[in-house]
Each structure stands twice: as C-alpha cells, then as structure tokens.
Amino acid sequence: MKRSSYLGQFTDEVANAIAGRLEEAGIAWSYKQAGFFTRIFFIGEWGTRMFVDAERLDEARAIAQNVQEEWRGDE
C-alpha cells in the first residue's frame, strides 16, 4: 500500500466483516483498534478505525456501506 486513506470507524464486529470483504476484493487495508483504557477515557475512541489503499477508496467505501447495511438488517 503506497498511500492509505481513512475509511471510517466501525464496531469491532463490523470492521472484521469489512476486512474480509476487502481481502476478497484484493484491497490493501490496515486498522487501529482502541485499547481498553483508551475506550474508557476517550469517548470518540469506541471502535476500530480502518484505512485502505487510497487508490481504491471509492470501492472500499461501497464495500463498507454494503456490510453496514447487512449488519443493520440483522438487528
């Protein structure tokens, strides 16, 4: 991955599902997961932040949106 772009912040479960779809699509990705104390002391750090190959950001956004819609449908 030459340059990465911020994809978004997701619950750990949704981030895991998105990661699987990104892998299937061959899109390079990385993540930053907040630790226990960070989640307690910083309200904005509630989930997993994901980053993807900047050249494929639009495709990754579509994948993330589809996964989120699927997870909302399961509620």
C-alpha atoms as a PDB file:
ATOM      1  CA  MET A   1       0.000   0.000   0.000  1.00  0.00           C
ATOM      2  CA  LYS A   2       1.698   3.180  -1.183  1.00  0.00           C
ATOM      3  CA  ARG A   3      -0.683   5.624   0.450  1.00  0.00           C
ATOM      4  CA  SER A   4      -3.597   4.967   2.747  1.00  0.00           C
ATOM      5  CA  SER A   5      -6.856   6.818   3.326  1.00  0.00           C
ATOM      6  CA  TYR A   6      -9.208   6.746   6.280  1.00  0.00           C
ATOM      7  CA  LEU A   7     -12.229   4.538   5.591  1.00  0.00           C
ATOM      8  CA  GLY A   8     -14.048   5.058   8.880  1.00  0.00           C
ATOM      9  CA  GLN A   9     -14.611   3.885  12.425  1.00  0.00           C
ATOM     10  CA  PHE A  10     -16.702   0.764  12.952  1.00  0.00           C
ATOM     11  CA  THR A  11     -17.652  -1.619  15.718  1.00  0.00           C
ATOM     12  CA  ASP A  12     -15.139  -4.439  16.015  1.00  0.00           C
ATOM     13  CA  GLU A  13     -17.560  -6.968  14.529  1.00  0.00           C
ATOM     14  CA  VAL A  14     -18.440  -4.832  11.514  1.00  0.00           C
ATOM     15  CA  ALA A  15     -14.768  -3.949  10.957  1.00  0.00           C
ATOM     16  CA  ASN A  16     -13.957  -7.650  10.907  1.00  0.00           C
ATOM     17  CA  ALA A  17     -16.655  -8.301   8.294  1.00  0.00           C
ATOM     18  CA  ILE A  18     -15.456  -5.354   6.193  1.00  0.00           C
ATOM     19  CA  ALA A  19     -11.880  -6.654   6.412  1.00  0.00           C
ATOM     20  CA  GLY A  20     -12.995  -9.975   4.982  1.00  0.00           C
ATOM     21  CA  ARG A  21     -14.707  -8.298   2.042  1.00  0.00           C
ATOM     22  CA  LEU A  22     -11.707  -6.045   1.419  1.00  0.00           C
ATOM     23  CA  GLU A  23      -9.486  -9.134   1.343  1.00  0.00           C
ATOM     24  CA  GLU A  24     -11.829 -10.794  -1.176  1.00  0.00           C
ATOM     25  CA  ALA A  25     -11.658  -7.675  -3.373  1.00  0.00           C
ATOM     26  CA  GLY A  26      -7.865  -7.549  -3.123  1.00  0.00           C
ATOM     27  CA  ILE A  27      -7.864  -4.133  -1.441  1.00  0.00           C
ATOM     28  CA  ALA A  28      -4.962  -3.466   0.926  1.00  0.00           C
ATOM     29  CA  TRP A  29      -6.104  -2.329   4.358  1.00  0.00           C
ATOM     30  CA  SER A  30      -4.923  -1.704   7.897  1.00  0.00           C
ATOM     31  CA  TYR A  31      -6.569  -0.845  11.187  1.00  0.00           C
ATOM     32  CA  LYS A  32      -6.092   0.847  14.542  1.00  0.00           C
ATOM     33  CA  GLN A  33      -8.010  -0.624  17.429  1.00  0.00           C
ATOM     34  CA  ALA A  34      -8.520   1.344  20.624  1.00  0.00           C
ATOM     35  CA  GLY A  35      -7.296  -0.325  23.800  1.00  0.00           C
ATOM     36  CA  PHE A  36      -9.312  -0.861  26.962  1.00  0.00           C
ATOM     37  CA  PHE A  37      -8.234   2.309  28.772  1.00  0.00           C
ATOM     38  CA  THR A  38      -8.487   4.440  25.651  1.00  0.00           C
ATOM     39  CA  ARG A  39     -12.118   3.392  25.248  1.00  0.00           C
ATOM     40  CA  ILE A  40     -12.828   4.327  28.868  1.00  0.00           C
ATOM     41  CA  PHE A  41     -11.137   7.736  28.875  1.00  0.00           C
ATOM     42  CA  PHE A  42     -11.864   8.916  25.313  1.00  0.00           C
ATOM     43  CA  ILE A  43     -15.471   8.638  24.164  1.00  0.00           C
ATOM     44  CA  GLY A  44     -14.535   9.180  20.500  1.00  0.00           C
ATOM     45  CA  GLU A  45     -12.431   6.003  20.542  1.00  0.00           C
ATOM     46  CA  TRP A  46     -15.217   3.438  20.616  1.00  0.00           C
ATOM     47  CA  GLY A  47     -14.275   1.096  17.789  1.00  0.00           C
ATOM     48  CA  THR A  48     -11.858   0.064  15.100  1.00  0.00           C
ATOM     49  CA  ARG A  49     -10.553   2.696  12.685  1.00  0.00           C
ATOM     50  CA  MET A  50      -9.881   1.322   9.214  1.00  0.00           C
ATOM     51  CA  PHE A  51      -7.562   2.568   6.493  1.00  0.00           C
ATOM     52  CA  VAL A  52      -7.406   1.401   2.881  1.00  0.00           C
ATOM     53  CA  ASP A  53      -5.343   1.861  -0.274  1.00  0.00           C
ATOM     54  CA  ALA A  54      -6.060   5.457  -1.331  1.00  0.00           C
ATOM     55  CA  GLU A  55      -6.361   4.459  -4.982  1.00  0.00           C
ATOM     56  CA  ARG A  56      -9.271   2.131  -4.173  1.00  0.00           C
ATOM     57  CA  LEU A  57     -11.048   4.250  -1.554  1.00  0.00           C
ATOM     58  CA  ASP A  58     -14.316   4.575  -3.503  1.00  0.00           C
ATOM     59  CA  GLU A  59     -14.565   0.809  -3.971  1.00  0.00           C
ATOM     60  CA  ALA A  60     -13.759   0.251  -0.277  1.00  0.00           C
ATOM     61  CA  ARG A  61     -16.439   2.757   0.768  1.00  0.00           C
ATOM     62  CA  ALA A  62     -19.029   0.859  -1.260  1.00  0.00           C
ATOM     63  CA  ILE A  63     -17.969  -2.410   0.381  1.00  0.00           C
ATOM     64  CA  ALA A  64     -18.129  -0.866   3.859  1.00  0.00           C
ATOM     65  CA  GLN A  65     -21.582   0.576   3.152  1.00  0.00           C
ATOM     66  CA  ASN A  66     -22.877  -2.799   1.967  1.00  0.00           C
ATOM     67  CA  VAL A  67     -21.530  -4.565   5.049  1.00  0.00           C
ATOM     68  CA  GLN A  68     -23.047  -1.973   7.382  1.00  0.00           C
ATOM     69  CA  GLU A  69     -26.436  -2.331   5.689  1.00  0.00           C
ATOM     70  CA  GLU A  70     -26.260  -6.113   6.045  1.00  0.00           C
ATOM     71  CA  TRP A  71     -25.433  -5.825   9.764  1.00  0.00           C
ATOM     72  CA  ARG A  72     -28.265  -3.352  10.360  1.00  0.00           C
ATOM     73  CA  GLY A  73     -30.648  -5.768   8.676  1.00  0.00           C
ATOM     74  CA  ASP A  74     -29.714  -8.473  11.185  1.00  0.00           C
ATOM     75  CA  GLU A  75     -30.907  -6.402  14.181  1.00  0.00           C
END
